[in-house]
C-alpha atoms as a PDB file:
ATOM      1  CA  UNK A   1     109.095 102.062  80.770  1.00  0.00           C
ATOM      2  CA  UNK A   2     112.721 102.548  79.699  1.00  0.00           C
ATOM      3  CA  UNK A   3     112.109 106.246  79.115  1.00  0.00           C
ATOM      4  CA  UNK A   4     110.922 106.660  82.710  1.00  0.00           C
ATOM      5  CA  UNK A   5     114.003 104.826  83.987  1.00  0.00           C
ATOM      6  CA  UNK A   6     116.251 106.983  81.799  1.00  0.00           C
ATOM      7  CA  UNK A   7     114.570 110.153  83.115  1.00  0.00           C
ATOM      8  CA  UNK A   8     115.027 108.926  86.685  1.00  0.00           C
ATOM      9  CA  UNK A   9     118.726 108.177  86.175  1.00  0.00           C
ATOM     10  CA  UNK A  10     119.405 111.446  84.386  1.00  0.00           C
ATOM     11  CA  UNK A  11     117.833 113.547  87.142  1.00  0.00           C
ATOM     12  CA  UNK A  12     120.363 115.788  88.790  1.00  0.00           C
ATOM     13  CA  UNK A  13     119.796 114.309  92.253  1.00  0.00           C
ATOM     14  CA  UNK A  14     120.669 110.745  91.267  1.00  0.00           C
ATOM     15  CA  UNK A  15     123.771 111.769  89.346  1.00  0.00           C
ATOM     16  CA  UNK A  16     124.880 114.073  92.184  1.00  0.00           C
ATOM     17  CA  UNK A  17     124.397 111.274  94.699  1.00  0.00           C
ATOM     18  CA  UNK A  18     126.461 108.855  92.613  1.00  0.00           C
ATOM     19  CA  UNK A  19     129.251 111.405  92.265  1.00  0.00           C
ATOM     20  CA  UNK A  20     129.150 112.150  95.999  1.00  0.00           C
ATOM     21  CA  UNK A  21     129.441 108.467  96.900  1.00  0.00           C
ATOM     22  CA  UNK A  22     132.374 107.966  94.529  1.00  0.00           C
ATOM     23  CA  UNK A  23     134.169 111.095  95.760  1.00  0.00           C
ATOM     24  CA  UNK A  24     133.487 110.183  99.373  1.00  0.00           C
ATOM     25  CA  UNK A  25     134.920 106.703  98.894  1.00  0.00           C
ATOM     26  CA  UNK A  26     138.015 108.067  97.162  1.00  0.00           C
ATOM     27  CA  UNK A  27     138.594 110.714  99.861  1.00  0.00           C
ATOM     28  CA  UNK A  28     138.091 108.105 102.566  1.00  0.00           C
ATOM     29  CA  UNK A  29     140.721 105.843 101.000  1.00  0.00           C
ATOM     30  CA  UNK A  30     143.231 108.678 100.719  1.00  0.00           C
ATOM     31  CA  UNK A  31     142.616 109.938 104.250  1.00  0.00           C
ATOM     32  CA  UNK A  32     142.724 106.387 105.674  1.00  0.00           C
ATOM     33  CA  UNK A  33     146.094 105.813 104.010  1.00  0.00           C
ATOM     34  CA  UNK A  34     147.407 109.120 105.327  1.00  0.00           C
ATOM     35  CA  UNK A  35     146.268 108.419 108.880  1.00  0.00           C
ATOM     36  CA  UNK A  36     147.673 104.888 108.723  1.00  0.00           C
ATOM     37  CA  UNK A  37     151.048 106.094 107.418  1.00  0.00           C
ATOM     38  CA  UNK A  38     151.458 109.376 109.342  1.00  0.00           C
ATOM     39  CA  UNK A  39     149.024 109.859 112.191  1.00  0.00           C
ATOM     40  CA  UNK A  40     148.940 106.307 113.574  1.00  0.00           C
ATOM     41  CA  UNK A  41     152.722 106.229 114.134  1.00  0.00           C
ATOM     42  CA  UNK A  42     152.456 109.589 115.916  1.00  0.00           C
ATOM     43  CA  UNK A  43     149.678 108.230 118.146  1.00  0.00           C
ATOM     44  CA  UNK A  44     151.761 105.139 118.909  1.00  0.00           C
ATOM     45  CA  UNK A  45     154.724 107.334 119.854  1.00  0.00           C
ATOM     46  CA  UNK A  46     152.618 109.403 122.232  1.00  0.00           C
ATOM     47  CA  UNK A  47     150.720 106.464 123.740  1.00  0.00           C
ATOM     48  CA  UNK A  48     153.573 104.021 124.189  1.00  0.00           C
ATOM     49  CA  UNK A  49     155.284 103.448 120.874  1.00  0.00           C
ATOM     50  CA  UNK A  50     155.781 100.330 118.833  1.00  0.00           C
ATOM     51  CA  UNK A  51     153.116  97.987 117.519  1.00  0.00           C
ATOM     52  CA  UNK A  52     151.276  97.951 120.841  1.00  0.00           C
ATOM     53  CA  UNK A  53     151.142 101.741 121.185  1.00  0.00           C
ATOM     54  CA  UNK A  54     147.785 102.894 122.484  1.00  0.00           C
ATOM     55  CA  UNK A  55     146.762  99.374 123.524  1.00  0.00           C
ATOM     56  CA  UNK A  56     146.181  98.193 127.042  1.00  0.00           C
ATOM     57  CA  UNK A  57     144.877  94.940 128.482  1.00  0.00           C
ATOM     58  CA  UNK A  58     142.376  94.437 131.298  1.00  0.00           C
ATOM     59  CA  UNK A  59     141.622  90.836 132.384  1.00  0.00           C
ATOM     60  CA  UNK A  60     142.847  89.525 129.034  1.00  0.00           C
ATOM     61  CA  UNK A  61     140.748  91.981 126.976  1.00  0.00           C
ATOM     62  CA  UNK A  62     142.711  94.273 124.659  1.00  0.00           C
ATOM     63  CA  UNK A  63     141.552  97.887 124.350  1.00  0.00           C
ATOM     64  CA  UNK A  64     142.999  99.671 121.304  1.00  0.00           C
ATOM     65  CA  UNK A  65     142.817 103.396 122.006  1.00  0.00           C
ATOM     66  CA  UNK A  66     145.107 104.142 119.051  1.00  0.00           C
ATOM     67  CA  UNK A  67     142.631 102.546 116.643  1.00  0.00           C
ATOM     68  CA  UNK A  68     139.769 104.650 118.013  1.00  0.00           C
ATOM     69  CA  UNK A  69     141.750 107.894 117.830  1.00  0.00           C
ATOM     70  CA  UNK A  70     142.884 107.003 114.303  1.00  0.00           C
ATOM     71  CA  UNK A  71     139.278 106.383 113.205  1.00  0.00           C
ATOM     72  CA  UNK A  72     138.083 109.659 114.733  1.00  0.00           C
ATOM     73  CA  UNK A  73     140.851 111.625 113.036  1.00  0.00           C
ATOM     74  CA  UNK A  74     140.092 109.905 109.721  1.00  0.00           C
ATOM     75  CA  UNK A  75     136.412 110.816 110.044  1.00  0.00           C
ATOM     76  CA  UNK A  76     137.095 114.465 110.902  1.00  0.00           C
ATOM     77  CA  UNK A  77     139.591 114.905 108.064  1.00  0.00           C
ATOM     78  CA  UNK A  78     137.255 113.225 105.540  1.00  0.00           C
ATOM     79  CA  UNK A  79     134.271 115.307 106.651  1.00  0.00           C
ATOM     80  CA  UNK A  80     136.308 118.525 106.499  1.00  0.00           C
ATOM     81  CA  UNK A  81     137.638 117.772 103.017  1.00  0.00           C
ATOM     82  CA  UNK A  82     134.180 116.930 101.663  1.00  0.00           C
ATOM     83  CA  UNK A  83     132.694 120.017 103.306  1.00  0.00           C
ATOM     84  CA  UNK A  84     135.291 122.477 102.021  1.00  0.00           C
ATOM     85  CA  UNK A  85     135.828 120.890  98.595  1.00  0.00           C
ATOM     86  CA  UNK A  86     132.247 119.890  97.709  1.00  0.00           C
ATOM     87  CA  UNK A  87     129.620 121.474  99.968  1.00  0.00           C
ATOM     88  CA  UNK A  88     130.899 125.062 100.244  1.00  0.00           C
ATOM     89  CA  UNK A  89     131.489 125.531  96.489  1.00  0.00           C
ATOM     90  CA  UNK A  90     128.131 123.878  95.715  1.00  0.00           C
ATOM     91  CA  UNK A  91     126.289 126.214  98.100  1.00  0.00           C
ATOM     92  CA  UNK A  92     128.029 129.239  96.577  1.00  0.00           C
ATOM     93  CA  UNK A  93     127.087 128.077  93.074  1.00  0.00           C
ATOM     94  CA  UNK A  94     123.469 127.528  94.110  1.00  0.00           C
ATOM     95  CA  UNK A  95     123.397 130.990  95.675  1.00  0.00           C
ATOM     96  CA  UNK A  96     124.620 132.590  92.452  1.00  0.00           C
ATOM     97  CA  UNK A  97     122.183 130.669  90.282  1.00  0.00           C
ATOM     98  CA  UNK A  98     119.156 131.228  92.502  1.00  0.00           C
ATOM     99  CA  UNK A  99     116.676 133.758  91.226  1.00  0.00           C
ATOM    100  CA  UNK A 100     116.193 136.665  93.593  1.00  0.00           C
ATOM    101  CA  UNK A 101     112.712 136.735  95.047  1.00  0.00           C
ATOM    102  CA  UNK A 102     110.852 139.991  95.311  1.00  0.00           C
ATOM    103  CA  UNK A 103     109.430 140.554  98.738  1.00  0.00           C
ATOM    104  CA  UNK A 104     106.432 142.757  99.275  1.00  0.00           C
ATOM    105  CA  UNK A 105     107.141 145.600 101.634  1.00  0.00           C
ATOM    106  CA  UNK A 106     105.565 144.988 104.996  1.00  0.00           C
ATOM    107  CA  UNK A 107     102.966 147.492 106.030  1.00  0.00           C
ATOM    108  CA  UNK A 108     103.904 149.448 109.074  1.00  0.00           C
ATOM    109  CA  UNK A 109     101.593 149.974 112.009  1.00  0.00           C
ATOM    110  CA  UNK A 110     101.154 153.606 111.015  1.00  0.00           C
ATOM    111  CA  UNK A 111      99.962 152.610 107.538  1.00  0.00           C
ATOM    112  CA  UNK A 112      97.493 150.162 109.052  1.00  0.00           C
ATOM    113  CA  UNK A 113      96.186 152.778 111.501  1.00  0.00           C
ATOM    114  CA  UNK A 114      95.755 155.257 108.637  1.00  0.00           C
ATOM    115  CA  UNK A 115      93.755 152.672 106.687  1.00  0.00           C
ATOM    116  CA  UNK A 116      91.537 152.038 109.705  1.00  0.00           C
ATOM    117  CA  UNK A 117      91.051 155.805 110.207  1.00  0.00           C
ATOM    118  CA  UNK A 118      90.192 156.297 106.550  1.00  0.00           C
ATOM    119  CA  UNK A 119      87.715 153.420 106.520  1.00  0.00           C
ATOM    120  CA  UNK A 120      86.021 154.739 109.694  1.00  0.00           C
ATOM    121  CA  UNK A 121      85.786 158.273 108.317  1.00  0.00           C
ATOM    122  CA  UNK A 122      84.135 157.095 105.085  1.00  0.00           C
ATOM    123  CA  UNK A 123      81.488 155.062 106.897  1.00  0.00           C
ATOM    124  CA  UNK A 124      80.220 158.029 108.981  1.00  0.00           C
END
């Protein structure tokens, strides 16, 4: 029973998934800190400045546009970093390690017609 569990844990997919989650969490923390420290103040400057930048109130309900824009920018930056740092190099490595497959040459219509002609001529 323990051997099966060990084999399951040591499979490449499980280890890769664990690494991806850890890297994703670390990148998210870094990008969130960057957007909080750099991008959010820029958004507040453009949308009204100060602590209330990007916020507006309708009938006592506060809408925080700055928070939404900050979250979208955080998501795009995180996705881009993970794509260019993890996915692209991984796909290139898989492409190099993949065994080339030999494809059979497709028969052309002329070859097929010749085969039909030859089989008809031998049956007569």
